[in-house]
Structure formats: C-alpha cells, structure tokens
C-alpha cells in the first residue's frame, strides 16, 4: 500500500472515472463518495490500495476539478453536458428533468470549499439548462 494522493488520483481517473461517460456523471459519482454528514470522502478500493487519507485527498481533488470544469462552462456547454447525462439515463430522463426542476438534487454535487460565486453560477446554469432542455423537448414533441 502506498500513500501518494497523486497516485490515488491517477488510479481513480484510470480505473473508475474513465469508465463513466460524461463530466456530469463523473461529478455525481465523485460527489456520492462524500458523507453528507461529515463531508469526508470514502472509497474502500482506493483506501485499501493506497491509504484512507490518500483516497480522501484524491476524491476531494477530483471533485473540485470536475466541478470547476462544469462551473466555468458557458450555458451552451452546460446544456450539452446535461443533455449527455440525460441521454445516458434513457428511461429516467423525463423524471430527472421533472424532479430537478422542483427539487434541485444537483446542488449536493457542490464541493464544500468551492467559492460561493462559482456555486451560484453552477446552480444557475443548471437551472437554465434544465429549462432550455425542457423547452426543446416540448417543441420536439409538439412538432412530431
């Protein structure tokens, strides 16, 4: 067992995140490894292979990197990121759109130490992207 968080981060990227298609899906996955009560990240495989601290640091760094990449995206790119995520959800896409419009479950993917302005930009862009996608789908259903 080694303890380098850089090695753990590369391992996470190569073994896990590379298997998950789309930045939003990757972000949701990494955020799901965070205990919402304590804010600590846990990943048994990484902890076993490296150390608990290396695993936690790798997950935190990946979480921040993935979030920053989406947070800094423009609205068109955010729409594309969200559409890619919804395409993967196939049968649940309609339910996700409906639920996220009224219950912003996507807010839990925000890293704890992320700047407030970035958080607000992310949340706003997702809300706008949801509205754009909903309107696109309604127009498509109305014309088809």
N, C-alpha and C. Protein backbone atom coordinates (compact mmCIF):
# COMPACT_ATOMS: atom_id res chain seq x y z
N UNK A 1 0.85 -1.18 0.00
CA UNK A 1 0.00 0.00 0.00
C UNK A 1 0.89 1.23 0.00
N UNK A 2 0.64 2.14 -0.95
CA UNK A 2 1.36 3.41 -0.99
C UNK A 2 0.42 4.50 -0.50
N UNK A 3 0.95 5.67 -0.23
CA UNK A 3 0.10 6.71 0.34
C UNK A 3 0.06 7.98 -0.50
N UNK A 4 0.58 7.96 -1.70
CA UNK A 4 0.59 9.15 -2.54
C UNK A 4 -0.80 9.46 -3.06
N UNK A 5 -1.30 10.66 -2.73
CA UNK A 5 -2.62 11.04 -3.24
C UNK A 5 -2.59 11.25 -4.74
N UNK A 6 -1.41 11.62 -5.30
CA UNK A 6 -1.28 11.75 -6.76
C UNK A 6 -1.48 10.41 -7.45
N UNK A 7 -0.89 9.36 -6.87
CA UNK A 7 -1.08 8.01 -7.41
C UNK A 7 -2.53 7.59 -7.26
N UNK A 8 -3.13 7.92 -6.13
CA UNK A 8 -4.53 7.57 -5.89
C UNK A 8 -5.44 8.31 -6.86
N UNK A 9 -5.11 9.56 -7.14
CA UNK A 9 -5.91 10.34 -8.08
C UNK A 9 -5.81 9.76 -9.49
N UNK A 10 -4.62 9.38 -9.90
CA UNK A 10 -4.44 8.74 -11.22
C UNK A 10 -5.20 7.42 -11.28
N UNK A 11 -5.13 6.65 -10.21
CA UNK A 11 -5.84 5.37 -10.14
C UNK A 11 -7.36 5.59 -10.27
N UNK A 12 -7.87 6.57 -9.54
CA UNK A 12 -9.29 6.90 -9.61
C UNK A 12 -9.67 7.27 -11.04
N UNK A 13 -8.84 8.08 -11.68
CA UNK A 13 -9.11 8.52 -13.05
C UNK A 13 -9.09 7.34 -14.02
N UNK A 14 -8.06 6.49 -13.92
CA UNK A 14 -7.88 5.41 -14.88
C UNK A 14 -8.82 4.24 -14.65
N UNK A 15 -9.06 3.86 -13.42
CA UNK A 15 -9.86 2.67 -13.14
C UNK A 15 -11.36 2.94 -13.02
N UNK A 16 -11.70 4.14 -12.58
CA UNK A 16 -13.11 4.41 -12.30
C UNK A 16 -13.69 5.47 -13.20
N UNK A 17 -13.16 6.68 -13.13
CA UNK A 17 -13.77 7.79 -13.87
C UNK A 17 -13.73 7.59 -15.37
N UNK A 18 -12.69 6.95 -15.87
CA UNK A 18 -12.61 6.71 -17.32
C UNK A 18 -13.71 5.78 -17.81
N UNK A 19 -14.33 5.04 -16.88
CA UNK A 19 -15.41 4.12 -17.23
C UNK A 19 -16.78 4.80 -17.19
N UNK A 20 -16.83 6.02 -16.69
CA UNK A 20 -18.08 6.77 -16.56
C UNK A 20 -18.12 7.83 -17.64
N UNK A 21 -19.12 7.74 -18.52
CA UNK A 21 -19.20 8.67 -19.65
C UNK A 21 -19.84 9.98 -19.22
N UNK A 22 -19.15 11.05 -19.47
CA UNK A 22 -19.69 12.38 -19.24
C UNK A 22 -19.22 13.01 -17.94
N UNK A 23 -18.92 14.30 -18.05
CA UNK A 23 -18.40 15.02 -16.89
C UNK A 23 -19.41 15.13 -15.75
N UNK A 24 -20.69 15.32 -16.06
CA UNK A 24 -21.68 15.43 -15.00
C UNK A 24 -21.85 14.10 -14.28
N UNK A 25 -21.87 13.01 -15.02
CA UNK A 25 -21.97 11.68 -14.40
C UNK A 25 -20.75 11.42 -13.51
N UNK A 26 -19.57 11.82 -13.97
CA UNK A 26 -18.36 11.66 -13.16
C UNK A 26 -18.45 12.51 -11.90
N UNK A 27 -18.92 13.73 -12.04
CA UNK A 27 -19.07 14.63 -10.90
C UNK A 27 -20.05 14.05 -9.88
N UNK A 28 -21.16 13.55 -10.36
CA UNK A 28 -22.17 12.97 -9.46
C UNK A 28 -21.58 11.76 -8.75
N UNK A 29 -20.83 10.93 -9.47
CA UNK A 29 -20.21 9.76 -8.84
C UNK A 29 -19.26 10.19 -7.72
N UNK A 30 -18.34 11.11 -8.03
CA UNK A 30 -17.35 11.51 -7.02
C UNK A 30 -18.05 12.17 -5.83
N UNK A 31 -19.04 13.02 -6.10
CA UNK A 31 -19.77 13.67 -5.01
C UNK A 31 -20.48 12.63 -4.13
N UNK A 32 -20.90 11.52 -4.74
CA UNK A 32 -21.61 10.49 -3.97
C UNK A 32 -20.70 9.74 -3.01
N UNK A 33 -19.38 9.90 -3.16
CA UNK A 33 -18.46 9.24 -2.23
C UNK A 33 -18.26 10.09 -0.97
N UNK A 34 -18.85 11.27 -0.94
CA UNK A 34 -18.74 12.16 0.22
C UNK A 34 -19.87 11.86 1.19
N UNK A 35 -19.52 11.69 2.44
CA UNK A 35 -20.51 11.51 3.50
C UNK A 35 -21.12 12.89 3.76
N UNK A 36 -22.41 13.03 3.54
CA UNK A 36 -23.05 14.33 3.65
C UNK A 36 -23.16 14.81 5.09
N UNK A 37 -22.94 13.93 6.06
CA UNK A 37 -22.95 14.35 7.46
C UNK A 37 -21.62 14.95 7.87
N UNK A 38 -20.52 14.37 7.41
CA UNK A 38 -19.20 14.78 7.86
C UNK A 38 -18.39 15.52 6.80
N UNK A 39 -18.76 15.37 5.54
CA UNK A 39 -18.01 15.98 4.44
C UNK A 39 -16.79 15.19 4.03
N UNK A 40 -16.55 14.05 4.66
CA UNK A 40 -15.39 13.22 4.34
C UNK A 40 -15.72 12.30 3.17
N UNK A 41 -14.70 12.08 2.34
CA UNK A 41 -14.84 11.21 1.18
C UNK A 41 -14.36 9.81 1.57
N UNK A 42 -15.08 8.80 1.04
CA UNK A 42 -14.71 7.43 1.34
C UNK A 42 -14.78 6.58 0.08
N UNK A 43 -13.75 5.78 -0.12
CA UNK A 43 -13.71 4.87 -1.25
C UNK A 43 -12.87 3.68 -0.81
N UNK A 44 -13.53 2.59 -0.52
CA UNK A 44 -12.84 1.42 0.06
C UNK A 44 -11.71 0.92 -0.82
N UNK A 45 -11.92 0.86 -2.13
CA UNK A 45 -10.90 0.35 -3.04
C UNK A 45 -9.64 1.21 -3.03
N UNK A 46 -9.83 2.52 -3.12
CA UNK A 46 -8.68 3.43 -3.07
C UNK A 46 -8.00 3.38 -1.71
N UNK A 47 -8.79 3.36 -0.64
CA UNK A 47 -8.22 3.32 0.71
C UNK A 47 -7.41 2.05 0.92
N UNK A 48 -7.90 0.94 0.39
CA UNK A 48 -7.20 -0.33 0.55
C UNK A 48 -5.90 -0.31 -0.25
N UNK A 49 -5.97 0.24 -1.46
CA UNK A 49 -4.80 0.24 -2.34
C UNK A 49 -3.75 1.28 -1.92
N UNK A 50 -4.19 2.40 -1.40
CA UNK A 50 -3.27 3.49 -1.04
C UNK A 50 -3.34 3.72 0.48
N UNK A 51 -4.23 4.58 0.92
CA UNK A 51 -4.49 4.83 2.34
C UNK A 51 -5.79 5.62 2.40
N UNK A 52 -6.41 5.67 3.57
CA UNK A 52 -7.66 6.43 3.68
C UNK A 52 -7.43 7.89 3.36
N UNK A 53 -6.32 8.45 3.85
CA UNK A 53 -6.02 9.87 3.60
C UNK A 53 -5.75 10.12 2.12
N UNK A 54 -4.99 9.25 1.49
CA UNK A 54 -4.70 9.41 0.06
C UNK A 54 -6.00 9.31 -0.75
N UNK A 55 -6.87 8.37 -0.39
CA UNK A 55 -8.14 8.21 -1.08
C UNK A 55 -9.00 9.46 -0.92
N UNK A 56 -9.08 9.95 0.32
CA UNK A 56 -9.90 11.13 0.57
C UNK A 56 -9.37 12.34 -0.19
N UNK A 57 -8.07 12.54 -0.19
CA UNK A 57 -7.46 13.66 -0.91
C UNK A 57 -7.69 13.53 -2.42
N UNK A 58 -7.53 12.33 -2.95
CA UNK A 58 -7.74 12.11 -4.38
C UNK A 58 -9.19 12.41 -4.77
N UNK A 59 -10.12 11.96 -3.97
CA UNK A 59 -11.54 12.20 -4.25
C UNK A 59 -11.87 13.68 -4.16
N UNK A 60 -11.34 14.35 -3.15
CA UNK A 60 -11.57 15.78 -2.99
C UNK A 60 -11.02 16.55 -4.19
N UNK A 61 -9.78 16.25 -4.59
CA UNK A 61 -9.17 16.94 -5.73
C UNK A 61 -9.94 16.67 -7.02
N UNK A 62 -10.35 15.43 -7.24
CA UNK A 62 -11.13 15.09 -8.43
C UNK A 62 -12.47 15.80 -8.41
N UNK A 63 -13.09 15.85 -7.24
CA UNK A 63 -14.38 16.53 -7.09
C UNK A 63 -14.24 18.01 -7.47
N UNK A 64 -13.24 18.66 -6.92
CA UNK A 64 -13.03 20.07 -7.21
C UNK A 64 -12.71 20.30 -8.68
N UNK A 65 -11.88 19.45 -9.27
CA UNK A 65 -11.51 19.59 -10.68
C UNK A 65 -12.73 19.42 -11.59
N UNK A 66 -13.52 18.38 -11.34
CA UNK A 66 -14.71 18.13 -12.17
C UNK A 66 -15.72 19.26 -12.02
N UNK A 67 -15.92 19.70 -10.78
CA UNK A 67 -16.88 20.78 -10.53
C UNK A 67 -16.43 22.07 -11.22
N UNK A 68 -15.16 22.42 -11.07
CA UNK A 68 -14.64 23.64 -11.68
C UNK A 68 -14.82 23.61 -13.19
N UNK A 69 -14.62 22.45 -13.80
CA UNK A 69 -14.77 22.32 -15.25
C UNK A 69 -16.19 22.58 -15.72
N UNK A 70 -17.16 22.19 -14.92
CA UNK A 70 -18.56 22.43 -15.29
C UNK A 70 -18.99 23.82 -14.86
N UNK A 71 -18.55 24.24 -13.70
CA UNK A 71 -18.90 25.56 -13.18
C UNK A 71 -18.48 26.66 -14.14
N UNK A 72 -17.33 26.51 -14.75
CA UNK A 72 -16.79 27.54 -15.64
C UNK A 72 -17.32 27.45 -17.07
N UNK A 73 -18.14 26.46 -17.33
CA UNK A 73 -18.70 26.28 -18.67
C UNK A 73 -19.77 27.34 -18.95
N UNK A 74 -19.86 27.74 -20.20
CA UNK A 74 -20.93 28.64 -20.60
C UNK A 74 -22.26 27.89 -20.65
N UNK A 75 -23.32 28.60 -20.90
CA UNK A 75 -24.65 27.98 -20.86
C UNK A 75 -24.83 26.94 -21.97
N UNK A 76 -24.30 27.21 -23.17
CA UNK A 76 -24.44 26.22 -24.25
C UNK A 76 -23.72 24.93 -23.89
N UNK A 77 -22.54 25.06 -23.32
CA UNK A 77 -21.78 23.87 -22.92
C UNK A 77 -22.48 23.15 -21.76
N UNK A 78 -23.06 23.92 -20.84
CA UNK A 78 -23.79 23.32 -19.72
C UNK A 78 -24.99 22.53 -20.23
N UNK A 79 -25.69 23.08 -21.22
CA UNK A 79 -26.82 22.36 -21.82
C UNK A 79 -26.31 21.05 -22.43
N UNK A 80 -25.20 21.09 -23.16
CA UNK A 80 -24.64 19.88 -23.78
C UNK A 80 -24.23 18.86 -22.71
N UNK A 81 -23.63 19.33 -21.63
CA UNK A 81 -23.21 18.44 -20.54
C UNK A 81 -24.43 17.77 -19.91
N UNK A 82 -25.47 18.54 -19.68
CA UNK A 82 -26.69 18.00 -19.07
C UNK A 82 -27.42 17.06 -20.04
N UNK A 83 -27.46 17.42 -21.32
CA UNK A 83 -28.09 16.54 -22.31
C UNK A 83 -27.36 15.20 -22.40
N UNK A 84 -26.03 15.24 -22.37
CA UNK A 84 -25.25 14.00 -22.40
C UNK A 84 -25.60 13.13 -21.20
N UNK A 85 -25.72 13.74 -20.04
CA UNK A 85 -26.08 13.00 -18.83
C UNK A 85 -27.47 12.39 -18.97
N UNK A 86 -28.42 13.17 -19.44
CA UNK A 86 -29.79 12.69 -19.57
C UNK A 86 -29.90 11.56 -20.60
N UNK A 87 -29.13 11.64 -21.68
CA UNK A 87 -29.14 10.58 -22.69
C UNK A 87 -28.74 9.24 -22.09
N UNK A 88 -27.82 9.26 -21.15
CA UNK A 88 -27.36 8.03 -20.51
C UNK A 88 -28.43 7.46 -19.58
N UNK A 89 -29.33 8.29 -19.13
CA UNK A 89 -30.34 7.86 -18.16
C UNK A 89 -31.58 7.27 -18.84
N UNK A 90 -31.61 7.34 -20.16
CA UNK A 90 -32.67 6.81 -21.01
C UNK A 90 -34.07 6.95 -20.41
N UNK A 91 -34.52 5.93 -19.70
CA UNK A 91 -35.90 5.86 -19.22
C UNK A 91 -36.20 6.83 -18.08
N UNK A 92 -35.16 7.29 -17.39
CA UNK A 92 -35.36 8.17 -16.26
C UNK A 92 -35.18 9.64 -16.61
N UNK A 93 -34.81 9.96 -17.81
CA UNK A 93 -34.50 11.35 -18.19
C UNK A 93 -35.68 12.28 -17.91
N UNK A 94 -36.88 11.88 -18.28
CA UNK A 94 -38.06 12.72 -18.05
C UNK A 94 -38.28 12.96 -16.56
N UNK A 95 -38.12 11.90 -15.78
CA UNK A 95 -38.28 12.02 -14.33
C UNK A 95 -37.20 12.90 -13.71
N UNK A 96 -35.98 12.78 -14.21
CA UNK A 96 -34.88 13.61 -13.70
C UNK A 96 -35.19 15.08 -13.98
N UNK A 97 -35.60 15.39 -15.21
CA UNK A 97 -35.95 16.77 -15.55
C UNK A 97 -37.04 17.30 -14.63
N UNK A 98 -38.08 16.53 -14.45
CA UNK A 98 -39.21 16.93 -13.62
C UNK A 98 -38.78 17.12 -12.16
N UNK A 99 -38.03 16.17 -11.65
CA UNK A 99 -37.60 16.23 -10.25
C UNK A 99 -36.63 17.37 -10.02
N UNK A 100 -35.61 17.48 -10.87
CA UNK A 100 -34.59 18.51 -10.67
C UNK A 100 -35.16 19.92 -10.82
N UNK A 101 -36.24 20.06 -11.58
CA UNK A 101 -36.85 21.38 -11.73
C UNK A 101 -37.46 21.84 -10.40
N UNK A 102 -38.01 20.90 -9.65
CA UNK A 102 -38.69 21.24 -8.39
C UNK A 102 -37.85 20.95 -7.15
N UNK A 103 -36.94 20.02 -7.26
CA UNK A 103 -36.08 19.64 -6.14
C UNK A 103 -34.65 19.61 -6.66
N UNK A 104 -33.89 20.65 -6.44
CA UNK A 104 -32.55 20.72 -7.04
C UNK A 104 -31.54 19.76 -6.40
N UNK A 105 -31.74 18.48 -6.67
CA UNK A 105 -30.85 17.44 -6.12
C UNK A 105 -29.42 17.64 -6.59
N UNK A 106 -29.23 18.29 -7.74
CA UNK A 106 -27.90 18.53 -8.28
C UNK A 106 -27.08 19.45 -7.36
N UNK A 107 -27.71 20.14 -6.43
CA UNK A 107 -26.99 21.05 -5.53
C UNK A 107 -26.02 20.30 -4.62
N UNK A 108 -26.26 19.01 -4.39
CA UNK A 108 -25.38 18.25 -3.49
C UNK A 108 -24.03 17.94 -4.11
N UNK A 109 -23.84 18.22 -5.38
CA UNK A 109 -22.55 17.94 -6.01
C UNK A 109 -21.55 19.08 -5.80
N UNK A 110 -21.98 20.16 -5.18
CA UNK A 110 -21.09 21.30 -4.95
C UNK A 110 -20.07 20.93 -3.88
N UNK A 111 -18.77 21.11 -4.18
CA UNK A 111 -17.74 20.84 -3.16
C UNK A 111 -17.85 21.81 -1.98
N UNK A 112 -17.46 21.36 -0.81
CA UNK A 112 -17.58 22.17 0.40
C UNK A 112 -16.79 23.47 0.33
N UNK A 113 -15.59 23.43 -0.22
CA UNK A 113 -14.71 24.60 -0.22
C UNK A 113 -14.82 25.44 -1.49
N UNK A 114 -15.78 25.15 -2.33
CA UNK A 114 -15.92 25.89 -3.57
C UNK A 114 -16.37 27.33 -3.28
N UNK A 115 -15.82 28.31 -4.01
CA UNK A 115 -16.23 29.71 -3.80
C UNK A 115 -17.73 29.90 -4.06
N UNK A 116 -18.34 30.74 -3.26
CA UNK A 116 -19.78 30.97 -3.34
C UNK A 116 -20.23 31.39 -4.75
N UNK A 117 -19.47 32.27 -5.38
CA UNK A 117 -19.84 32.74 -6.72
C UNK A 117 -19.86 31.59 -7.73
N UNK A 118 -18.88 30.70 -7.64
CA UNK A 118 -18.83 29.54 -8.54
C UNK A 118 -20.03 28.63 -8.27
N UNK A 119 -20.37 28.42 -7.01
CA UNK A 119 -21.53 27.60 -6.66
C UNK A 119 -22.81 28.18 -7.26
N UNK A 120 -22.99 29.48 -7.10
CA UNK A 120 -24.18 30.14 -7.62
C UNK A 120 -24.23 30.07 -9.15
N UNK A 121 -23.07 30.22 -9.79
CA UNK A 121 -23.03 30.13 -11.25
C UNK A 121 -23.43 28.73 -11.71
N UNK A 122 -22.86 27.71 -11.05
CA UNK A 122 -23.19 26.32 -11.37
C UNK A 122 -24.69 26.07 -11.23
N UNK A 123 -25.24 26.44 -10.07
CA UNK A 123 -26.66 26.18 -9.81
C UNK A 123 -27.55 26.93 -10.80
N UNK A 124 -27.20 28.17 -11.08
CA UNK A 124 -27.96 28.97 -12.05
C UNK A 124 -27.88 28.36 -13.45
N UNK A 125 -26.68 27.98 -13.88
CA UNK A 125 -26.52 27.40 -15.22
C UNK A 125 -27.29 26.09 -15.35
N UNK A 126 -27.29 25.27 -14.31
CA UNK A 126 -28.05 24.01 -14.38
C UNK A 126 -29.54 24.32 -14.47
N UNK A 127 -30.04 25.27 -13.67
CA UNK A 127 -31.46 25.64 -13.74
C UNK A 127 -31.83 26.12 -15.14
N UNK A 128 -30.99 26.98 -15.71
CA UNK A 128 -31.25 27.49 -17.06
C UNK A 128 -31.18 26.36 -18.08
N UNK A 129 -30.19 25.50 -17.96
CA UNK A 129 -30.05 24.36 -18.88
C UNK A 129 -31.26 23.45 -18.80
N UNK A 130 -31.76 23.20 -17.59
CA UNK A 130 -32.96 22.37 -17.43
C UNK A 130 -34.13 22.99 -18.19
N UNK A 131 -34.30 24.30 -18.07
CA UNK A 131 -35.40 24.99 -18.74
C UNK A 131 -35.24 24.90 -20.26
N UNK A 132 -34.04 25.12 -20.75
CA UNK A 132 -33.78 25.05 -22.19
C UNK A 132 -34.08 23.65 -22.72
N UNK A 133 -33.61 22.64 -22.02
CA UNK A 133 -33.84 21.25 -22.46
C UNK A 133 -35.32 20.92 -22.42
N UNK A 134 -36.00 21.36 -21.38
CA UNK A 134 -37.44 21.10 -21.28
C UNK A 134 -38.19 21.76 -22.45
N UNK A 135 -37.82 22.98 -22.77
CA UNK A 135 -38.46 23.69 -23.89
C UNK A 135 -38.14 23.03 -25.23
N UNK A 136 -36.90 22.57 -25.41
CA UNK A 136 -36.52 21.83 -26.63
C UNK A 136 -37.36 20.58 -26.79
N UNK A 137 -37.49 19.84 -25.69
CA UNK A 137 -38.26 18.59 -25.74
C UNK A 137 -39.74 18.86 -26.00
N UNK A 138 -40.27 19.90 -25.42
CA UNK A 138 -41.68 20.26 -25.65
C UNK A 138 -41.90 20.65 -27.11
N UNK A 139 -40.98 21.43 -27.66
CA UNK A 139 -41.08 21.83 -29.07
C UNK A 139 -40.99 20.62 -29.99
N UNK A 140 -40.08 19.71 -29.66
CA UNK A 140 -39.92 18.50 -30.46
C UNK A 140 -41.19 17.63 -30.39
N UNK A 141 -41.77 17.51 -29.20
CA UNK A 141 -42.99 16.71 -29.04
C UNK A 141 -44.17 17.36 -29.75
N UNK A 142 -44.19 18.70 -29.76
CA UNK A 142 -45.26 19.42 -30.42
C UNK A 142 -45.19 19.36 -31.93
N UNK A 143 -43.98 19.20 -32.46
CA UNK A 143 -43.82 19.17 -33.92
C UNK A 143 -43.82 17.74 -34.46
N UNK A 144 -43.78 16.78 -33.54
CA UNK A 144 -43.67 15.40 -34.01
C UNK A 144 -44.89 14.67 -33.86
